[in-house]
N, C-alpha and C. Protein backbone atom coordinates (compact mmCIF):
# COMPACT_ATOMS: atom_id res chain seq x y z
N MET A 1 17.77 -66.79 59.98
CA MET A 1 18.45 -65.69 60.63
C MET A 1 17.53 -64.47 60.59
N PRO A 2 17.32 -63.80 61.74
CA PRO A 2 16.42 -62.64 61.77
C PRO A 2 17.05 -61.43 61.08
N TRP A 3 16.18 -60.53 60.64
CA TRP A 3 16.64 -59.28 60.02
C TRP A 3 17.31 -58.41 61.08
N SER A 4 18.31 -57.70 60.67
CA SER A 4 18.98 -56.77 61.56
C SER A 4 18.10 -55.54 61.75
N GLN A 5 17.83 -55.19 62.98
CA GLN A 5 17.01 -54.02 63.27
C GLN A 5 17.86 -52.99 63.99
N THR A 6 17.80 -51.76 63.49
CA THR A 6 18.50 -50.67 64.16
C THR A 6 17.51 -49.54 64.42
N SER A 7 17.73 -48.89 65.52
CA SER A 7 16.86 -47.76 65.86
C SER A 7 17.30 -46.53 65.06
N PRO A 8 16.43 -45.55 64.93
CA PRO A 8 16.81 -44.31 64.25
C PRO A 8 18.03 -43.64 64.90
N MET A 9 18.15 -43.73 66.21
CA MET A 9 19.30 -43.13 66.89
C MET A 9 20.59 -43.88 66.53
N ASP A 10 20.51 -45.21 66.40
CA ASP A 10 21.68 -45.98 65.98
C ASP A 10 22.11 -45.60 64.57
N GLN A 11 21.13 -45.39 63.69
CA GLN A 11 21.44 -45.00 62.32
C GLN A 11 22.07 -43.61 62.28
N ARG A 12 21.57 -42.72 63.10
CA ARG A 12 22.13 -41.36 63.16
C ARG A 12 23.56 -41.40 63.67
N THR A 13 23.81 -42.21 64.69
CA THR A 13 25.16 -42.36 65.23
C THR A 13 26.10 -42.94 64.19
N GLN A 14 25.62 -43.92 63.44
CA GLN A 14 26.44 -44.53 62.39
C GLN A 14 26.72 -43.53 61.27
N PHE A 15 25.73 -42.70 60.94
CA PHE A 15 25.90 -41.65 59.93
C PHE A 15 27.04 -40.72 60.34
N ILE A 16 27.03 -40.28 61.60
CA ILE A 16 28.07 -39.37 62.09
C ILE A 16 29.43 -40.07 62.10
N ALA A 17 29.46 -41.34 62.51
CA ALA A 17 30.73 -42.08 62.52
C ALA A 17 31.29 -42.19 61.10
N ASP A 18 30.42 -42.47 60.13
CA ASP A 18 30.86 -42.55 58.74
C ASP A 18 31.34 -41.20 58.24
N TYR A 19 30.68 -40.13 58.65
CA TYR A 19 31.10 -38.78 58.28
C TYR A 19 32.50 -38.48 58.82
N LEU A 20 32.75 -38.84 60.06
CA LEU A 20 34.04 -38.58 60.69
C LEU A 20 35.17 -39.39 60.06
N ARG A 21 34.85 -40.55 59.48
CA ARG A 21 35.86 -41.35 58.77
C ARG A 21 36.29 -40.69 57.47
N ASP A 22 35.45 -39.77 56.96
CA ASP A 22 35.75 -38.98 55.77
C ASP A 22 36.00 -39.84 54.52
N VAL A 23 35.23 -40.91 54.40
CA VAL A 23 35.35 -41.79 53.23
C VAL A 23 34.37 -41.35 52.13
N LEU A 24 33.16 -40.97 52.53
CA LEU A 24 32.13 -40.56 51.59
C LEU A 24 31.80 -39.09 51.79
N SER A 25 31.29 -38.47 50.74
CA SER A 25 30.84 -37.08 50.87
C SER A 25 29.51 -37.06 51.63
N VAL A 26 29.13 -35.89 52.07
CA VAL A 26 27.86 -35.75 52.79
C VAL A 26 26.70 -36.16 51.87
N THR A 27 26.78 -35.78 50.61
CA THR A 27 25.73 -36.15 49.66
C THR A 27 25.61 -37.66 49.54
N GLU A 28 26.74 -38.35 49.43
CA GLU A 28 26.73 -39.81 49.31
C GLU A 28 26.20 -40.46 50.59
N LEU A 29 26.60 -39.92 51.74
CA LEU A 29 26.09 -40.46 53.01
C LEU A 29 24.58 -40.29 53.11
N CYS A 30 24.09 -39.13 52.71
CA CYS A 30 22.65 -38.88 52.78
C CYS A 30 21.89 -39.83 51.88
N GLU A 31 22.41 -40.08 50.69
CA GLU A 31 21.77 -41.04 49.79
C GLU A 31 21.79 -42.44 50.40
N LEU A 32 22.92 -42.83 50.99
CA LEU A 32 23.06 -44.15 51.61
C LEU A 32 22.09 -44.35 52.77
N TYR A 33 21.92 -43.32 53.59
CA TYR A 33 21.06 -43.42 54.77
C TYR A 33 19.62 -43.00 54.51
N GLY A 34 19.34 -42.51 53.30
CA GLY A 34 17.96 -42.16 52.95
C GLY A 34 17.44 -40.92 53.63
N VAL A 35 18.33 -39.93 53.84
CA VAL A 35 17.90 -38.66 54.42
C VAL A 35 18.26 -37.53 53.46
N SER A 36 17.60 -36.40 53.63
CA SER A 36 17.91 -35.25 52.78
C SER A 36 19.26 -34.66 53.20
N ARG A 37 19.87 -33.90 52.29
CA ARG A 37 21.13 -33.24 52.64
C ARG A 37 20.92 -32.24 53.77
N LYS A 38 19.78 -31.60 53.77
CA LYS A 38 19.47 -30.64 54.84
C LYS A 38 19.50 -31.34 56.20
N THR A 39 18.89 -32.52 56.28
CA THR A 39 18.88 -33.29 57.53
C THR A 39 20.28 -33.76 57.88
N GLY A 40 21.03 -34.23 56.90
CA GLY A 40 22.40 -34.69 57.14
C GLY A 40 23.26 -33.59 57.72
N TYR A 41 23.19 -32.40 57.12
CA TYR A 41 23.98 -31.28 57.65
C TYR A 41 23.48 -30.86 59.04
N LYS A 42 22.19 -30.96 59.27
CA LYS A 42 21.63 -30.63 60.59
C LYS A 42 22.21 -31.56 61.65
N TRP A 43 22.30 -32.85 61.34
CA TRP A 43 22.88 -33.81 62.28
C TRP A 43 24.35 -33.51 62.53
N ILE A 44 25.08 -33.18 61.47
CA ILE A 44 26.51 -32.90 61.61
C ILE A 44 26.72 -31.65 62.46
N ILE A 45 25.97 -30.60 62.18
CA ILE A 45 26.11 -29.36 62.95
C ILE A 45 25.76 -29.58 64.42
N ALA A 46 24.77 -30.41 64.69
CA ALA A 46 24.36 -30.68 66.08
C ALA A 46 25.48 -31.33 66.87
N ILE A 47 26.30 -32.13 66.22
CA ILE A 47 27.41 -32.80 66.92
C ILE A 47 28.47 -31.80 67.34
N PHE A 48 28.73 -30.80 66.51
CA PHE A 48 29.80 -29.84 66.80
C PHE A 48 29.32 -28.57 67.48
N ALA A 49 28.04 -28.49 67.79
CA ALA A 49 27.51 -27.28 68.43
C ALA A 49 27.73 -27.30 69.92
């Protein structure tokens, strides 16, 4: 079975979807997706701008 490949845009979209589900904190999401909190908040703000 081949490895699952996702594009950076798919990962960003999934990050935002997980944020909107409100299951994990932003800090936990950033750790899960391997991005800094600054980047995570930047992505979130971009969605609501």
